[in-house]
Every structure is written in structure tokens, then in C-alpha cells.
């Protein structure tokens, strides 16, 4: 399985907190993958640590990137439908069909659990008690 890491979890990965370390290890040991794109990619790229992690994942073929006008347009279309200030994350979930998000944003959680908005089940990783969600990635990425 892949994961989308909300910008509010960058410090967990960068600082290797217990919650973030398990996600980082899962991604870098070849079992996990990461989905990025659009505004979220630009947010994550502000962190040198995340840039390094994304480069490692890309070299290993486990970074799945969604870019271009499609993701930006979907983000704009969702802006007034989301309770959170993260329509770019919701757009990435919808475009990638990624069912796992690492986030601590309760407003985003509400959007991701809104079946009318999303249309499929999304799991939210918040801490190490959710490590059972980190399963093997078999994604092929964007087509």
C-alpha cells in the first residue's frame, strides 16, 4: 500500500518521532510507497529531509507522483466542498485512489471520511497503534 503524508506530519518523519519513524522505515525498506503531487508536493519539497526521502523513494520506484493541470484543477474544484484547508490532499486521494493518509488534521479526517466526497474508504494513520495499516505496496503509480 502507499501513503499520502500530509504536510502536518513532515516533522514526524524528519525528526524521526516514534509515529514517523515507523512510516519512514516502512517506506525505505521496500514495503511501502508514497503518493505526492500538486500543492502537497510543493509543500513537502520545502523540507530538505523530505526531498531526500522522496529522492530515495523515486530511485526505488516507490514514489508515485501526480502532477499537472488535472490535479491542480481538481484541487480548485474541491476547495468549497472541503471542511479542511487541504483540498489538495483530498484531490490527491481522489486522483491516486490511495486509501491511506498520514495526518493529524481533524478537519482533513472529516473530509476523508465523507463518503459523498471521497466515494471509497480511506484509512488514517496517526500513530504507532495504526501500524497494521502499513502493508506492502503493489502500486504501479500514475498511468
Protein backbone atom coordinates (compact mmCIF):
# COMPACT_ATOMS: atom_id res chain seq x y z
CA UNK A 1 0.00 0.00 0.00
CA UNK A 2 1.03 3.59 -0.50
CA UNK A 3 0.59 6.51 1.85
CA UNK A 4 -0.03 10.22 1.42
CA UNK A 5 1.78 12.21 4.12
CA UNK A 6 0.04 15.46 4.98
CA UNK A 7 2.39 18.41 5.49
CA UNK A 8 1.50 18.44 9.21
CA UNK A 9 3.36 15.13 9.60
CA UNK A 10 6.65 16.20 7.99
CA UNK A 11 8.19 16.87 11.40
CA UNK A 12 7.31 13.30 12.45
CA UNK A 13 9.24 11.90 9.52
CA UNK A 14 12.03 14.48 9.58
CA UNK A 15 12.59 14.29 13.34
CA UNK A 16 12.00 10.53 13.39
CA UNK A 17 9.39 10.60 16.10
CA UNK A 18 8.07 7.13 17.04
CA UNK A 19 4.97 7.74 14.88
CA UNK A 20 7.00 8.95 11.90
CA UNK A 21 9.91 6.53 12.23
CA UNK A 22 7.73 3.52 11.59
CA UNK A 23 6.32 5.12 8.42
CA UNK A 24 9.78 6.16 7.23
CA UNK A 25 11.23 2.69 7.86
CA UNK A 26 8.24 1.07 6.10
CA UNK A 27 8.75 3.29 3.03
CA UNK A 28 12.54 2.94 2.88
CA UNK A 29 12.74 -0.81 3.45
CA UNK A 30 10.87 -1.57 0.28
CA UNK A 31 7.45 -2.41 1.62
CA UNK A 32 5.75 0.97 1.38
CA UNK A 33 5.27 3.64 -1.20
CA UNK A 34 4.42 7.32 -1.13
CA UNK A 35 1.99 9.32 -3.24
CA UNK A 36 2.69 13.01 -3.85
CA UNK A 37 1.57 15.66 -6.26
CA UNK A 38 0.30 19.14 -6.85
CA UNK A 39 0.34 21.53 -3.93
CA UNK A 40 1.28 18.79 -1.46
CA UNK A 41 4.46 18.02 -3.41
CA UNK A 42 5.40 21.69 -3.28
CA UNK A 43 4.72 21.78 0.49
CA UNK A 44 6.80 18.68 1.18
CA UNK A 45 9.65 19.92 -1.03
CA UNK A 46 10.26 22.78 1.43
CA UNK A 47 11.89 20.25 3.75
CA UNK A 48 15.39 19.08 2.76
CA UNK A 49 14.81 15.87 4.70
CA UNK A 50 11.62 15.15 2.76
CA UNK A 51 13.39 15.96 -0.52
CA UNK A 52 16.00 13.34 0.35
CA UNK A 53 13.34 10.80 1.30
CA UNK A 54 11.38 11.47 -1.88
CA UNK A 55 14.56 11.08 -3.97
CA UNK A 56 15.29 7.72 -2.33
CA UNK A 57 11.75 6.54 -2.94
CA UNK A 58 11.84 7.74 -6.55
CA UNK A 59 15.09 5.85 -7.23
CA UNK A 60 13.48 2.73 -5.74
CA UNK A 61 10.34 3.15 -7.89
CA UNK A 62 8.13 3.70 -4.84
CA UNK A 63 7.32 7.39 -5.26
CA UNK A 64 4.11 7.88 -7.21
CA UNK A 65 3.75 11.46 -8.47
CA UNK A 66 0.62 13.13 -9.82
CA UNK A 67 1.34 16.48 -11.42
CA UNK A 68 -0.05 18.89 -13.94
CA UNK A 69 -3.21 20.77 -14.60
CA UNK A 70 -5.51 17.83 -13.73
CA UNK A 71 -4.50 17.70 -10.06
CA UNK A 72 -4.48 21.49 -9.78
CA UNK A 73 -7.94 21.77 -11.37
CA UNK A 74 -9.38 19.06 -9.12
CA UNK A 75 -7.93 20.87 -6.10
CA UNK A 76 -9.63 24.10 -7.19
CA UNK A 77 -12.93 22.28 -7.79
CA UNK A 78 -12.84 20.79 -4.28
CA UNK A 79 -11.96 24.00 -2.43
CA UNK A 80 -15.56 24.86 -1.48
CA UNK A 81 -16.56 21.24 -0.81
CA UNK A 82 -13.96 20.54 1.89
CA UNK A 83 -14.23 21.36 5.58
CA UNK A 84 -10.46 21.41 5.89
CA UNK A 85 -7.93 23.72 4.29
CA UNK A 86 -6.49 20.69 2.47
CA UNK A 87 -8.44 20.24 -0.77
CA UNK A 88 -5.08 19.43 -2.38
CA UNK A 89 -4.78 16.31 -0.19
CA UNK A 90 -8.37 15.31 -0.96
CA UNK A 91 -7.68 15.81 -4.68
CA UNK A 92 -4.59 13.62 -4.45
CA UNK A 93 -6.57 10.88 -2.67
CA UNK A 94 -9.23 11.00 -5.38
CA UNK A 95 -6.82 11.09 -8.31
CA UNK A 96 -4.49 8.39 -6.98
CA UNK A 97 -7.13 6.24 -5.26
CA UNK A 98 -4.66 5.99 -2.38
CA UNK A 99 -6.59 4.68 0.65
CA UNK A 100 -4.09 5.67 3.35
CA UNK A 101 -3.20 9.13 4.69
CA UNK A 102 -0.80 10.10 7.50
CA UNK A 103 -2.37 13.20 9.06
CA UNK A 104 -3.24 14.79 12.37
CA UNK A 105 -5.65 17.34 10.89
CA UNK A 106 -9.15 16.61 12.24
CA UNK A 107 -10.77 18.72 9.51
CA UNK A 108 -9.00 16.67 6.86
CA UNK A 109 -10.03 13.47 8.65
CA UNK A 110 -13.64 14.64 8.36
CA UNK A 111 -13.22 15.24 4.62
CA UNK A 112 -11.55 11.86 4.09
CA UNK A 113 -14.34 10.06 5.92
CA UNK A 114 -17.03 11.86 3.88
CA UNK A 115 -18.24 9.10 1.58
CA UNK A 116 -20.14 11.57 -0.61
CA UNK A 117 -16.91 13.45 -1.24
CA UNK A 118 -14.47 10.53 -1.47
CA UNK A 119 -16.60 7.55 -2.54
CA UNK A 120 -14.32 4.87 -1.06
CA UNK A 121 -12.84 4.03 2.32
CA UNK A 122 -9.75 5.92 3.44
CA UNK A 123 -7.73 4.88 6.48
CA UNK A 124 -5.90 7.49 8.53
CA UNK A 125 -2.57 6.68 10.13
CA UNK A 126 -1.94 8.86 13.18
CA UNK A 127 0.36 6.90 15.48
CA UNK A 128 2.11 3.59 16.02
CA UNK A 129 -1.12 1.86 17.05
CA UNK A 130 -2.08 2.14 13.39
CA UNK A 131 0.98 0.26 12.12
CA UNK A 132 -1.27 -2.57 10.87
CA UNK A 133 -2.28 -0.19 8.05
CA UNK A 134 1.27 -0.22 6.65
CA UNK A 135 1.03 -3.12 4.22
CA UNK A 136 3.09 -3.96 1.15
CA UNK A 137 2.88 -1.53 -1.77
CA UNK A 138 1.96 -3.11 -5.09
CA UNK A 139 1.04 0.11 -6.87
CA UNK A 140 2.11 0.93 -10.37
CA UNK A 141 1.66 4.69 -9.90
CA UNK A 142 0.08 7.10 -12.38
CA UNK A 143 -0.56 5.90 -15.90
